[in-house]
Amino acid sequence: GDGIADVDQISDRELYTRKLQLVLKKSNPAKIDTALGGLYTSWIAVAAVLKLQFARTIALAVSISNKLRPIASKALVPAFTHLLSKDYHQWIPIIVNYLCKAVGVSIAWYIQMVLSAFHSAIRGGLMFWRAMIKFASEKGLTKINHEDTMLDEYLGWATAAAGFYFQFTQNFQLPFPMNLVLWPFTAAEWFIEWKITGEMS
């Protein structure tokens, strides 16, 4: 009765406890369980697709490194023979092998990055313009149906080209300040990469 809200007069711990109790009392456990089940099922599907793509990328990396090894051996073995002491010459084939693997993985990952960016740009461009046309139709601004016209494809491909060019010129990294705004999504992407590569290795 002092004119100050109760939530402003209790500690943070008491406030969190109060809110947790409110959620537990008022929420529907069955709906939460269904939602969590849906999220888990979605994660399993995403993980399966990513594992398949990761396996393809690793196969490409191995293929590239195998093709590079004979050329690299001819160029690098003599150089390492002169640079390293005789006591370490037995390590030269291993060093060359790992260098070829590193180059192969780098090339394969970059190719996969380009392919993923291109595919995302196409999907995103088409989804954006189809949604815009549908939204304009619902608001009475136009009577165009994207199923009856190529307008969404033309605009979608133009947007995709612009989006892919932007990503390519940024080396597929988020520029400032977008990297700060979108850091939660970047963190989620890193977690997914870590999870998939950890399960595959």
N, C-alpha and C. Protein backbone atom coordinates (compact mmCIF):
# COMPACT_ATOMS: atom_id res chain seq x y z
N GLY A 1 0.80 -1.22 0.00
CA GLY A 1 0.00 0.00 0.00
C GLY A 1 0.82 1.26 0.00
N ASP A 2 2.12 1.18 -0.33
CA ASP A 2 2.97 2.37 -0.32
C ASP A 2 3.13 2.98 -1.71
N GLY A 3 2.39 2.46 -2.69
CA GLY A 3 2.46 3.02 -4.04
C GLY A 3 3.61 2.48 -4.88
N ILE A 4 4.42 1.58 -4.33
CA ILE A 4 5.54 0.97 -5.07
C ILE A 4 5.19 -0.48 -5.38
N ALA A 5 5.42 -0.87 -6.62
CA ALA A 5 5.08 -2.25 -7.02
C ALA A 5 5.89 -3.25 -6.20
N ASP A 6 5.22 -4.37 -5.84
CA ASP A 6 5.88 -5.40 -5.02
C ASP A 6 7.15 -5.94 -5.70
N VAL A 7 7.11 -6.06 -7.04
CA VAL A 7 8.26 -6.64 -7.75
C VAL A 7 9.49 -5.74 -7.64
N ASP A 8 9.28 -4.45 -7.33
CA ASP A 8 10.41 -3.53 -7.18
C ASP A 8 10.94 -3.50 -5.75
N GLN A 9 10.32 -4.26 -4.87
CA GLN A 9 10.72 -4.25 -3.46
C GLN A 9 11.24 -5.60 -2.98
N ILE A 10 11.39 -6.55 -3.92
CA ILE A 10 11.92 -7.85 -3.53
C ILE A 10 13.23 -8.09 -4.26
N SER A 11 14.02 -9.05 -3.78
CA SER A 11 15.32 -9.35 -4.38
C SER A 11 15.14 -10.06 -5.72
N ASP A 12 16.21 -10.08 -6.51
CA ASP A 12 16.15 -10.75 -7.82
C ASP A 12 15.81 -12.23 -7.66
N ARG A 13 16.41 -12.86 -6.65
CA ARG A 13 16.14 -14.29 -6.45
C ARG A 13 14.66 -14.54 -6.15
N GLU A 14 14.09 -13.71 -5.28
CA GLU A 14 12.66 -13.85 -4.96
C GLU A 14 11.78 -13.59 -6.18
N LEU A 15 12.20 -12.62 -7.02
CA LEU A 15 11.44 -12.31 -8.23
C LEU A 15 11.46 -13.49 -9.20
N TYR A 16 12.67 -14.09 -9.40
CA TYR A 16 12.76 -15.25 -10.30
C TYR A 16 11.95 -16.43 -9.76
N THR A 17 12.01 -16.64 -8.44
CA THR A 17 11.23 -17.73 -7.84
C THR A 17 9.74 -17.50 -8.04
N ARG A 18 9.31 -16.27 -7.86
CA ARG A 18 7.90 -15.91 -8.02
C ARG A 18 7.44 -16.14 -9.46
N LYS A 19 8.28 -15.73 -10.43
CA LYS A 19 7.91 -15.91 -11.84
C LYS A 19 7.90 -17.38 -12.22
N LEU A 20 8.87 -18.15 -11.70
CA LEU A 20 8.90 -19.58 -11.99
C LEU A 20 7.65 -20.27 -11.45
N GLN A 21 7.25 -19.93 -10.24
CA GLN A 21 6.04 -20.50 -9.66
C GLN A 21 4.81 -20.14 -10.48
N LEU A 22 4.77 -18.90 -10.99
CA LEU A 22 3.65 -18.46 -11.83
C LEU A 22 3.58 -19.28 -13.11
N VAL A 23 4.74 -19.49 -13.74
CA VAL A 23 4.78 -20.28 -14.97
C VAL A 23 4.35 -21.71 -14.70
N LEU A 24 4.84 -22.31 -13.62
CA LEU A 24 4.49 -23.70 -13.29
C LEU A 24 3.00 -23.86 -12.99
N LYS A 25 2.41 -22.85 -12.36
CA LYS A 25 0.99 -22.93 -12.01
C LYS A 25 0.07 -22.71 -13.21
N LYS A 26 0.45 -21.81 -14.11
CA LYS A 26 -0.45 -21.38 -15.17
C LYS A 26 -0.21 -22.06 -16.52
N SER A 27 0.95 -22.69 -16.69
CA SER A 27 1.24 -23.29 -18.00
C SER A 27 0.63 -24.68 -18.11
N ASN A 28 0.50 -25.15 -19.36
CA ASN A 28 -0.07 -26.46 -19.65
C ASN A 28 1.08 -27.44 -19.91
N PRO A 29 1.31 -28.39 -18.99
CA PRO A 29 2.45 -29.32 -19.16
C PRO A 29 2.37 -30.14 -20.45
N ALA A 30 1.17 -30.53 -20.84
CA ALA A 30 1.02 -31.34 -22.05
C ALA A 30 1.47 -30.57 -23.28
N LYS A 31 1.10 -29.28 -23.35
CA LYS A 31 1.50 -28.45 -24.49
C LYS A 31 3.01 -28.23 -24.50
N ILE A 32 3.59 -28.01 -23.33
CA ILE A 32 5.04 -27.83 -23.24
C ILE A 32 5.76 -29.10 -23.67
N ASP A 33 5.24 -30.26 -23.21
CA ASP A 33 5.84 -31.54 -23.59
C ASP A 33 5.76 -31.76 -25.10
N THR A 34 4.61 -31.42 -25.69
CA THR A 34 4.44 -31.55 -27.14
C THR A 34 5.40 -30.63 -27.89
N ALA A 35 5.55 -29.40 -27.40
CA ALA A 35 6.45 -28.43 -28.04
C ALA A 35 7.90 -28.90 -27.96
N LEU A 36 8.31 -29.39 -26.78
CA LEU A 36 9.68 -29.89 -26.62
C LEU A 36 9.93 -31.10 -27.50
N GLY A 37 8.91 -31.97 -27.60
CA GLY A 37 9.03 -33.13 -28.48
C GLY A 37 9.19 -32.73 -29.94
N GLY A 38 8.43 -31.69 -30.34
CA GLY A 38 8.56 -31.19 -31.71
C GLY A 38 9.93 -30.59 -31.98
N LEU A 39 10.45 -29.84 -31.00
CA LEU A 39 11.80 -29.27 -31.14
C LEU A 39 12.85 -30.37 -31.25
N TYR A 40 12.71 -31.41 -30.43
CA TYR A 40 13.68 -32.51 -30.47
C TYR A 40 13.62 -33.25 -31.80
N THR A 41 12.40 -33.50 -32.29
CA THR A 41 12.24 -34.17 -33.58
C THR A 41 12.86 -33.34 -34.70
N SER A 42 12.64 -32.02 -34.65
CA SER A 42 13.22 -31.13 -35.65
C SER A 42 14.74 -31.17 -35.59
N TRP A 43 15.29 -31.17 -34.37
CA TRP A 43 16.74 -31.23 -34.22
C TRP A 43 17.31 -32.52 -34.81
N ILE A 44 16.63 -33.65 -34.58
CA ILE A 44 17.09 -34.93 -35.12
C ILE A 44 17.12 -34.88 -36.65
N ALA A 45 16.08 -34.29 -37.26
CA ALA A 45 16.02 -34.19 -38.72
C ALA A 45 17.13 -33.29 -39.25
N VAL A 46 17.33 -32.14 -38.60
CA VAL A 46 18.40 -31.22 -39.02
C VAL A 46 19.75 -31.88 -38.87
N ALA A 47 19.98 -32.56 -37.75
CA ALA A 47 21.26 -33.22 -37.51
C ALA A 47 21.55 -34.29 -38.56
N ALA A 48 20.51 -35.04 -38.94
CA ALA A 48 20.70 -36.08 -39.95
C ALA A 48 21.13 -35.48 -41.29
N VAL A 49 20.47 -34.39 -41.69
CA VAL A 49 20.82 -33.73 -42.96
C VAL A 49 22.24 -33.16 -42.89
N LEU A 50 22.57 -32.52 -41.77
CA LEU A 50 23.90 -31.92 -41.63
C LEU A 50 24.99 -32.97 -41.60
N LYS A 51 24.71 -34.11 -40.97
CA LYS A 51 25.69 -35.20 -40.94
C LYS A 51 25.97 -35.71 -42.34
N LEU A 52 24.91 -35.82 -43.15
CA LEU A 52 25.08 -36.26 -44.53
C LEU A 52 25.93 -35.26 -45.31
N GLN A 53 25.63 -33.97 -45.16
CA GLN A 53 26.41 -32.95 -45.85
C GLN A 53 27.85 -32.92 -45.35
N PHE A 54 28.04 -33.10 -44.04
CA PHE A 54 29.38 -33.13 -43.47
C PHE A 54 30.17 -34.30 -44.02
N ALA A 55 29.52 -35.48 -44.13
CA ALA A 55 30.19 -36.66 -44.68
C ALA A 55 30.60 -36.42 -46.13
N ARG A 56 29.74 -35.75 -46.90
CA ARG A 56 30.09 -35.43 -48.29
C ARG A 56 31.27 -34.48 -48.35
N THR A 57 31.29 -33.50 -47.45
CA THR A 57 32.40 -32.54 -47.42
C THR A 57 33.70 -33.23 -47.07
N ILE A 58 33.67 -34.12 -46.08
CA ILE A 58 34.88 -34.85 -45.70
C ILE A 58 35.35 -35.75 -46.83
N ALA A 59 34.40 -36.41 -47.53
CA ALA A 59 34.78 -37.25 -48.67
C ALA A 59 35.46 -36.42 -49.76
N LEU A 60 34.94 -35.22 -50.01
CA LEU A 60 35.56 -34.33 -50.99
C LEU A 60 36.94 -33.90 -50.52
N ALA A 61 37.08 -33.60 -49.23
CA ALA A 61 38.38 -33.19 -48.68
C ALA A 61 39.42 -34.31 -48.84
N VAL A 62 39.01 -35.55 -48.56
CA VAL A 62 39.92 -36.69 -48.70
C VAL A 62 40.33 -36.87 -50.15
N SER A 63 39.36 -36.73 -51.06
CA SER A 63 39.66 -36.86 -52.49
C SER A 63 40.64 -35.79 -52.95
N ILE A 64 40.43 -34.55 -52.52
CA ILE A 64 41.33 -33.46 -52.92
C ILE A 64 42.73 -33.70 -52.37
N SER A 65 42.82 -34.10 -51.09
CA SER A 65 44.13 -34.32 -50.48
C SER A 65 44.87 -35.48 -51.16
N ASN A 66 44.14 -36.53 -51.55
CA ASN A 66 44.77 -37.65 -52.25
C ASN A 66 45.32 -37.24 -53.61
N LYS A 67 44.61 -36.34 -54.30
CA LYS A 67 45.09 -35.86 -55.60
C LYS A 67 46.27 -34.90 -55.44
N LEU A 68 46.30 -34.16 -54.33
CA LEU A 68 47.39 -33.21 -54.10
C LEU A 68 48.67 -33.89 -53.65
N ARG A 69 48.56 -35.03 -52.97
CA ARG A 69 49.72 -35.64 -52.33
C ARG A 69 50.87 -35.94 -53.29
N PRO A 70 50.65 -36.55 -54.47
CA PRO A 70 51.80 -36.82 -55.36
C PRO A 70 52.52 -35.54 -55.81
N ILE A 71 51.74 -34.49 -56.13
CA ILE A 71 52.35 -33.23 -56.56
C ILE A 71 53.09 -32.58 -55.39
N ALA A 72 52.45 -32.58 -54.21
CA ALA A 72 53.07 -31.96 -53.04
C ALA A 72 54.32 -32.71 -52.62
N SER A 73 54.30 -34.03 -52.75
CA SER A 73 55.48 -34.81 -52.37
C SER A 73 56.68 -34.45 -53.24
N LYS A 74 56.46 -34.31 -54.55
CA LYS A 74 57.56 -33.95 -55.45
C LYS A 74 58.11 -32.56 -55.16
N ALA A 75 57.23 -31.66 -54.73
CA ALA A 75 57.67 -30.28 -54.50
C ALA A 75 58.20 -30.07 -53.08
N LEU A 76 57.58 -30.71 -52.09
CA LEU A 76 57.90 -30.40 -50.70
C LEU A 76 58.94 -31.34 -50.08
N VAL A 77 58.96 -32.61 -50.49
CA VAL A 77 59.91 -33.55 -49.87
C VAL A 77 61.35 -33.08 -50.05
N PRO A 78 61.77 -32.68 -51.28
CA PRO A 78 63.15 -32.18 -51.40
C PRO A 78 63.41 -30.93 -50.56
N ALA A 79 62.41 -30.04 -50.49
CA ALA A 79 62.59 -28.81 -49.72
C ALA A 79 62.73 -29.13 -48.23
N PHE A 80 61.87 -30.00 -47.71
CA PHE A 80 61.97 -30.38 -46.30
C PHE A 80 63.25 -31.16 -46.01
N THR A 81 63.71 -31.93 -47.00
CA THR A 81 64.96 -32.69 -46.83
C THR A 81 66.13 -31.76 -46.58
N HIS A 82 66.15 -30.63 -47.29
CA HIS A 82 67.22 -29.64 -47.09
C HIS A 82 67.03 -28.83 -45.81
N LEU A 83 65.78 -28.58 -45.44
CA LEU A 83 65.50 -27.72 -44.29
C LEU A 83 65.65 -28.46 -42.96
N LEU A 84 65.28 -29.74 -42.92
CA LEU A 84 65.27 -30.49 -41.67
C LEU A 84 66.53 -31.34 -41.51
N SER A 85 66.89 -31.55 -40.27
CA SER A 85 68.03 -32.43 -39.97
C SER A 85 67.67 -33.88 -40.32
N LYS A 86 68.69 -34.69 -40.58
CA LYS A 86 68.45 -36.10 -40.95
C LYS A 86 67.70 -36.85 -39.86
N ASP A 87 67.84 -36.38 -38.62
CA ASP A 87 67.15 -37.05 -37.51
C ASP A 87 65.64 -36.96 -37.63
N TYR A 88 65.15 -36.00 -38.41
CA TYR A 88 63.70 -35.78 -38.54
C TYR A 88 63.15 -36.11 -39.92
N HIS A 89 63.98 -36.71 -40.77
CA HIS A 89 63.52 -37.00 -42.14
C HIS A 89 62.36 -37.99 -42.18
N GLN A 90 62.26 -38.86 -41.16
CA GLN A 90 61.16 -39.83 -41.16
C GLN A 90 59.80 -39.17 -41.00
N TRP A 91 59.80 -37.89 -40.54
CA TRP A 91 58.56 -37.15 -40.34
C TRP A 91 58.10 -36.42 -41.61
N ILE A 92 58.96 -36.36 -42.60
CA ILE A 92 58.62 -35.58 -43.81
C ILE A 92 57.36 -36.09 -44.50
N PRO A 93 57.21 -37.41 -44.76
CA PRO A 93 55.95 -37.87 -45.40
C PRO A 93 54.70 -37.55 -44.57
N ILE A 94 54.84 -37.63 -43.23
CA ILE A 94 53.69 -37.33 -42.37
C ILE A 94 53.34 -35.85 -42.47
N ILE A 95 54.36 -34.98 -42.46
CA ILE A 95 54.13 -33.54 -42.56
C ILE A 95 53.44 -33.20 -43.88
N VAL A 96 53.96 -33.77 -44.97
CA VAL A 96 53.37 -33.52 -46.30
C VAL A 96 51.94 -34.03 -46.34
N ASN A 97 51.69 -35.20 -45.75
CA ASN A 97 50.35 -35.78 -45.74
C ASN A 97 49.37 -34.86 -45.00
N TYR A 98 49.76 -34.35 -43.84
CA TYR A 98 48.88 -33.49 -43.06
C TYR A 98 48.68 -32.12 -43.73
N LEU A 99 49.71 -31.63 -44.39
CA LEU A 99 49.55 -30.38 -45.14
C LEU A 99 48.53 -30.56 -46.26
N CYS A 100 48.61 -31.69 -46.97
CA CYS A 100 47.64 -31.97 -48.04
C CYS A 100 46.23 -32.10 -47.48
N LYS A 101 46.11 -32.75 -46.31
CA LYS A 101 44.79 -32.88 -45.69
C LYS A 101 44.23 -31.52 -45.28
N ALA A 102 45.11 -30.67 -44.74
CA ALA A 102 44.66 -29.34 -44.33
C ALA A 102 44.19 -28.53 -45.52
N VAL A 103 44.95 -28.59 -46.62
CA VAL A 103 44.55 -27.87 -47.84
C VAL A 103 43.25 -28.45 -48.40
N GLY A 104 43.14 -29.79 -48.40
CA GLY A 104 41.93 -30.44 -48.90
C GLY A 104 40.69 -30.07 -48.10
N VAL A 105 40.82 -30.06 -46.77
CA VAL A 105 39.69 -29.69 -45.91
C VAL A 105 39.31 -28.23 -46.13
N SER A 106 40.30 -27.35 -46.25
CA SER A 106 40.02 -25.92 -46.46
C SER A 106 39.27 -25.70 -47.77
N ILE A 107 39.73 -26.35 -48.83
CA ILE A 107 39.08 -26.20 -50.14
C ILE A 107 37.66 -26.77 -50.09
N ALA A 108 37.52 -27.97 -49.49
CA ALA A 108 36.19 -28.61 -49.42
C ALA A 108 35.21 -27.77 -48.62
N TRP A 109 35.66 -27.22 -47.48
CA TRP A 109 34.78 -26.38 -46.66
C TRP A 109 34.37 -25.11 -47.40
N TYR A 110 35.33 -24.54 -48.14
CA TYR A 110 35.00 -23.31 -48.88
C TYR A 110 33.98 -23.61 -49.98
N ILE A 111 34.18 -24.72 -50.69
CA ILE A 111 33.23 -25.11 -51.73
C ILE A 111 31.84 -25.33 -51.13
N GLN A 112 31.80 -26.02 -49.97
CA GLN A 112 30.52 -26.26 -49.30
C GLN A 112 29.88 -24.95 -48.85
N MET A 113 30.72 -24.01 -48.41
CA MET A 113 30.20 -22.71 -47.98
C MET A 113 29.57 -21.97 -49.16
N VAL A 114 30.25 -22.01 -50.31
CA VAL A 114 29.72 -21.34 -51.51
C VAL A 114 28.40 -21.99 -51.93
N LEU A 115 28.37 -23.32 -51.95
CA LEU A 115 27.15 -24.02 -52.34
C LEU A 115 25.99 -23.72 -51.38
N SER A 116 26.28 -23.73 -50.09
CA SER A 116 25.24 -23.45 -49.09
C SER A 116 24.72 -22.02 -49.22
N ALA A 117 25.65 -21.07 -49.42
CA ALA A 117 25.24 -19.67 -49.58
C ALA A 117 24.39 -19.49 -50.82
N PHE A 118 24.77 -20.14 -51.92
CA PHE A 118 24.02 -20.03 -53.17
C PHE A 118 22.62 -20.61 -53.00
N HIS A 119 22.54 -21.79 -52.38
CA HIS A 119 21.24 -22.43 -52.17
C HIS A 119 20.36 -21.59 -51.25
N SER A 120 20.95 -21.07 -50.18
CA SER A 120 20.19 -20.24 -49.23
C SER A 120 19.69 -18.96 -49.89
N ALA A 121 20.54 -18.37 -50.75
CA ALA A 121 20.15 -17.14 -51.44
C ALA A 121 18.95 -17.38 -52.34
N ILE A 122 18.97 -18.48 -53.08
CA ILE A 122 17.84 -18.81 -53.98
C ILE A 122 16.57 -19.04 -53.17
N ARG A 123 16.67 -19.90 -52.14
CA ARG A 123 15.49 -20.19 -51.32
C ARG A 123 14.97 -18.93 -50.65
N GLY A 124 15.88 -18.14 -50.08
CA GLY A 124 15.48 -16.93 -49.37
C GLY A 124 14.84 -15.90 -50.27
N GLY A 125 15.41 -15.71 -51.47
CA GLY A 125 14.86 -14.75 -52.41
C GLY A 125 13.45 -15.10 -52.84
N LEU A 126 13.24 -16.38 -53.17
CA LEU A 126 11.91 -16.82 -53.60
C LEU A 126 10.90 -16.74 -52.44
N MET A 127 11.32 -17.18 -51.26
CA MET A 127 10.42 -17.13 -50.10
C MET A 127 10.02 -15.69 -49.78
N PHE A 128 10.99 -14.78 -49.85
CA PHE A 128 10.72 -13.38 -49.53
C PHE A 128 9.68 -12.79 -50.47
N TRP A 129 9.89 -12.95 -51.78
CA TRP A 129 8.97 -12.31 -52.73
C TRP A 129 7.61 -13.00 -52.79
N ARG A 130 7.57 -14.31 -52.58
CA ARG A 130 6.27 -14.98 -52.53
C ARG A 130 5.47 -14.51 -51.32
N ALA A 131 6.16 -14.33 -50.19
CA ALA A 131 5.50 -13.82 -49.00
C ALA A 131 5.04 -12.38 -49.21
N MET A 132 5.86 -11.57 -49.88
CA MET A 132 5.48 -10.17 -50.13
C MET A 132 4.27 -10.08 -51.05
N ILE A 133 4.25 -10.91 -52.09
CA ILE A 133 3.12 -10.90 -53.02
C ILE A 133 1.85 -11.36 -52.30
N LYS A 134 1.98 -12.40 -51.48
CA LYS A 134 0.82 -12.89 -50.72
C LYS A 134 0.33 -11.82 -49.75
N PHE A 135 1.26 -11.14 -49.07
CA PHE A 135 0.91 -10.09 -48.12
C PHE A 135 0.19 -8.94 -48.83
N ALA A 136 0.74 -8.53 -50.00
CA ALA A 136 0.12 -7.43 -50.77
C ALA A 136 -1.26 -7.83 -51.26
N SER A 137 -1.42 -9.12 -51.60
CA SER A 137 -2.72 -9.61 -52.07
C SER A 137 -3.75 -9.58 -50.94
N GLU A 138 -3.30 -9.99 -49.72
CA GLU A 138 -4.21 -10.02 -48.58
C GLU A 138 -4.62 -8.60 -48.16
N LYS A 139 -3.74 -7.63 -48.37
CA LYS A 139 -4.03 -6.24 -48.01
C LYS A 139 -4.80 -5.50 -49.11
N GLY A 140 -5.06 -6.20 -50.23
CA GLY A 140 -5.80 -5.59 -51.32
C GLY A 140 -4.97 -4.66 -52.20
N LEU A 141 -3.65 -4.73 -52.07
CA LEU A 141 -2.79 -3.87 -52.88
C LEU A 141 -2.60 -4.42 -54.30
N THR A 142 -2.79 -5.72 -54.45
CA THR A 142 -2.65 -6.36 -55.76
C THR A 142 -3.52 -7.60 -55.80
N LYS A 143 -3.78 -8.10 -56.98
CA LYS A 143 -4.54 -9.33 -57.13
C LYS A 143 -3.69 -10.43 -57.75
N ILE A 144 -2.38 -10.25 -57.67
CA ILE A 144 -1.45 -11.22 -58.27
C ILE A 144 -1.36 -12.45 -57.38
N ASN A 145 -1.41 -13.62 -58.01
CA ASN A 145 -1.17 -14.90 -57.33
C ASN A 145 0.17 -15.42 -57.83
N HIS A 146 1.08 -15.70 -56.92
CA HIS A 146 2.43 -16.11 -57.36
C HIS A 146 2.43 -17.41 -58.15
N GLU A 147 1.36 -18.19 -58.02
CA GLU A 147 1.26 -19.43 -58.80
C GLU A 147 0.96 -19.14 -60.27
N ASP A 148 0.39 -17.96 -60.55
CA ASP A 148 -0.02 -17.64 -61.92
C ASP A 148 0.94 -16.69 -62.64
N THR A 149 2.07 -16.38 -62.01
CA THR A 149 2.99 -15.42 -62.62
C THR A 149 4.44 -15.85 -62.36
N MET A 150 5.34 -15.30 -63.17
CA MET A 150 6.77 -15.53 -62.98
C MET A 150 7.42 -14.37 -62.23
N LEU A 151 6.60 -13.41 -61.78
CA LEU A 151 7.14 -12.22 -61.13
C LEU A 151 7.96 -12.58 -59.90
N ASP A 152 7.44 -13.54 -59.08
CA ASP A 152 8.17 -13.91 -57.87
C ASP A 152 9.51 -14.56 -58.21
N GLU A 153 9.56 -15.34 -59.31
CA GLU A 153 10.83 -15.94 -59.72
C GLU A 153 11.83 -14.89 -60.18
N TYR A 154 11.36 -13.94 -60.99
CA TYR A 154 12.27 -12.89 -61.48
C TYR A 154 12.83 -12.07 -60.32
N LEU A 155 11.92 -11.61 -59.46
CA LEU A 155 12.36 -10.81 -58.32
C LEU A 155 13.18 -11.65 -57.33
N GLY A 156 12.78 -12.90 -57.15
CA GLY A 156 13.49 -13.79 -56.23
C GLY A 156 14.91 -14.07 -56.69
N TRP A 157 15.08 -14.33 -58.00
CA TRP A 157 16.43 -14.59 -58.53
C TRP A 157 17.28 -13.34 -58.47
N ALA A 158 16.69 -12.16 -58.72
CA ALA A 158 17.45 -10.91 -58.63
C ALA A 158 17.90 -10.67 -57.18
N THR A 159 17.00 -10.92 -56.24
CA THR A 159 17.35 -10.77 -54.82
C THR A 159 18.40 -11.80 -54.42
N ALA A 160 18.27 -13.03 -54.94
CA ALA A 160 19.25 -14.07 -54.63
C ALA A 160 20.64 -13.69 -55.14
N ALA A 161 20.69 -13.15 -56.37
CA ALA A 161 21.98 -12.74 -56.93
C ALA A 161 22.61 -11.64 -56.09
N ALA A 162 21.80 -10.66 -55.67
CA ALA A 162 22.33 -9.57 -54.84
C ALA A 162 22.78 -10.10 -53.48
N GLY A 163 21.99 -11.00 -52.90
CA GLY A 163 22.34 -11.57 -51.59
C GLY A 163 23.61 -12.40 -51.65
N PHE A 164 23.72 -13.24 -52.69
CA PHE A 164 24.92 -14.07 -52.82
C PHE A 164 26.15 -13.20 -53.07
N TYR A 165 26.01 -12.19 -53.90
CA TYR A 165 27.15 -11.28 -54.17
C TYR A 165 27.60 -10.59 -52.88
N PHE A 166 26.64 -10.16 -52.07
CA PHE A 166 26.98 -9.51 -50.80
C PHE A 166 27.72 -10.48 -49.88
N GLN A 167 27.22 -11.71 -49.78
CA GLN A 167 27.89 -12.70 -48.94
C GLN A 167 29.30 -13.01 -49.45
N PHE A 168 29.42 -13.13 -50.77
CA PHE A 168 30.72 -13.47 -51.36
C PHE A 168 31.73 -12.35 -51.11
N THR A 169 31.31 -11.09 -51.29
CA THR A 169 32.23 -9.97 -51.08
C THR A 169 32.60 -9.81 -49.61
N GLN A 170 31.75 -10.31 -48.69
CA GLN A 170 32.05 -10.27 -47.26
C GLN A 170 32.75 -11.54 -46.78
N ASN A 171 33.14 -12.39 -47.75
CA ASN A 171 33.79 -13.68 -47.44
C ASN A 171 32.92 -14.53 -46.51
N PHE A 172 31.61 -14.43 -46.71
CA PHE A 172 30.63 -15.22 -45.97
C PHE A 172 30.69 -14.97 -44.46
N GLN A 173 31.10 -13.76 -44.08
CA GLN A 173 31.12 -13.34 -42.68
C GLN A 173 30.15 -12.16 -42.50
N LEU A 174 29.61 -12.04 -41.31
CA LEU A 174 28.70 -10.92 -41.02
C LEU A 174 29.51 -9.64 -40.79
N PRO A 175 29.16 -8.55 -41.49
CA PRO A 175 29.87 -7.29 -41.26
C PRO A 175 29.36 -6.60 -40.00
N PHE A 176 30.15 -5.67 -39.50
CA PHE A 176 29.73 -4.83 -38.37
C PHE A 176 28.66 -3.85 -38.85
N PRO A 177 27.60 -3.61 -38.12
CA PRO A 177 27.24 -4.08 -36.78
C PRO A 177 26.33 -5.31 -36.78
N MET A 178 26.11 -5.91 -37.96
CA MET A 178 25.23 -7.07 -38.02
C MET A 178 25.77 -8.23 -37.20
N ASN A 179 27.11 -8.33 -37.11
CA ASN A 179 27.69 -9.42 -36.31
C ASN A 179 27.34 -9.29 -34.83
N LEU A 180 27.15 -8.05 -34.36
CA LEU A 180 26.76 -7.85 -32.96
C LEU A 180 25.28 -8.15 -32.75
N VAL A 181 24.47 -7.71 -33.71
CA VAL A 181 23.02 -7.91 -33.59
C VAL A 181 22.65 -9.39 -33.69
N LEU A 182 23.33 -10.09 -34.58
CA LEU A 182 22.99 -11.49 -34.86
C LEU A 182 23.89 -12.49 -34.16
N TRP A 183 24.63 -12.07 -33.13
CA TRP A 183 25.56 -12.99 -32.47
C TRP A 183 24.87 -14.21 -31.87
N PRO A 184 23.61 -14.14 -31.41
CA PRO A 184 22.99 -15.38 -30.90
C PRO A 184 22.87 -16.46 -31.98
N PHE A 185 22.57 -16.02 -33.21
CA PHE A 185 22.46 -16.98 -34.31
C PHE A 185 23.83 -17.54 -34.68
N THR A 186 24.86 -16.68 -34.62
CA THR A 186 26.22 -17.14 -34.87
C THR A 186 26.64 -18.16 -33.83
N ALA A 187 26.31 -17.89 -32.56
CA ALA A 187 26.64 -18.83 -31.49
C ALA A 187 25.91 -20.16 -31.70
N ALA A 188 24.65 -20.08 -32.12
CA ALA A 188 23.88 -21.31 -32.39
C ALA A 188 24.51 -22.09 -33.54
N GLU A 189 24.98 -21.37 -34.57
CA GLU A 189 25.63 -22.04 -35.70
C GLU A 189 26.91 -22.73 -35.27
N TRP A 190 27.71 -22.05 -34.43
CA TRP A 190 28.94 -22.67 -33.92
C TRP A 190 28.62 -23.92 -33.10
N PHE A 191 27.55 -23.85 -32.28
CA PHE A 191 27.17 -25.01 -31.47
C PHE A 191 26.78 -26.18 -32.37
N ILE A 192 25.99 -25.89 -33.41
CA ILE A 192 25.56 -26.96 -34.33
C ILE A 192 26.77 -27.58 -35.03
N GLU A 193 27.69 -26.73 -35.50
CA GLU A 193 28.90 -27.24 -36.15
C GLU A 193 29.70 -28.13 -35.20
N TRP A 194 29.86 -27.65 -33.95
CA TRP A 194 30.62 -28.42 -32.96
C TRP A 194 29.93 -29.75 -32.68
N LYS A 195 28.61 -29.70 -32.54
CA LYS A 195 27.84 -30.91 -32.22
C LYS A 195 27.94 -31.94 -33.35
N ILE A 196 27.76 -31.48 -34.58
CA ILE A 196 27.77 -32.40 -35.73
C ILE A 196 29.16 -32.98 -35.94
N THR A 197 30.19 -32.09 -35.95
CA THR A 197 31.56 -32.58 -36.16
C THR A 197 32.00 -33.49 -35.02
N GLY A 198 31.55 -33.19 -33.79
CA GLY A 198 31.91 -34.06 -32.66
C GLY A 198 31.30 -35.44 -32.77
N GLU A 199 30.05 -35.51 -33.25
CA GLU A 199 29.39 -36.79 -33.38
C GLU A 199 29.93 -37.60 -34.57
N MET A 200 30.41 -36.87 -35.60
CA MET A 200 30.94 -37.55 -36.78
C MET A 200 32.36 -38.05 -36.58
N SER A 201 33.10 -37.39 -35.66
CA SER A 201 34.52 -37.77 -35.48
C SER A 201 34.66 -38.95 -34.53
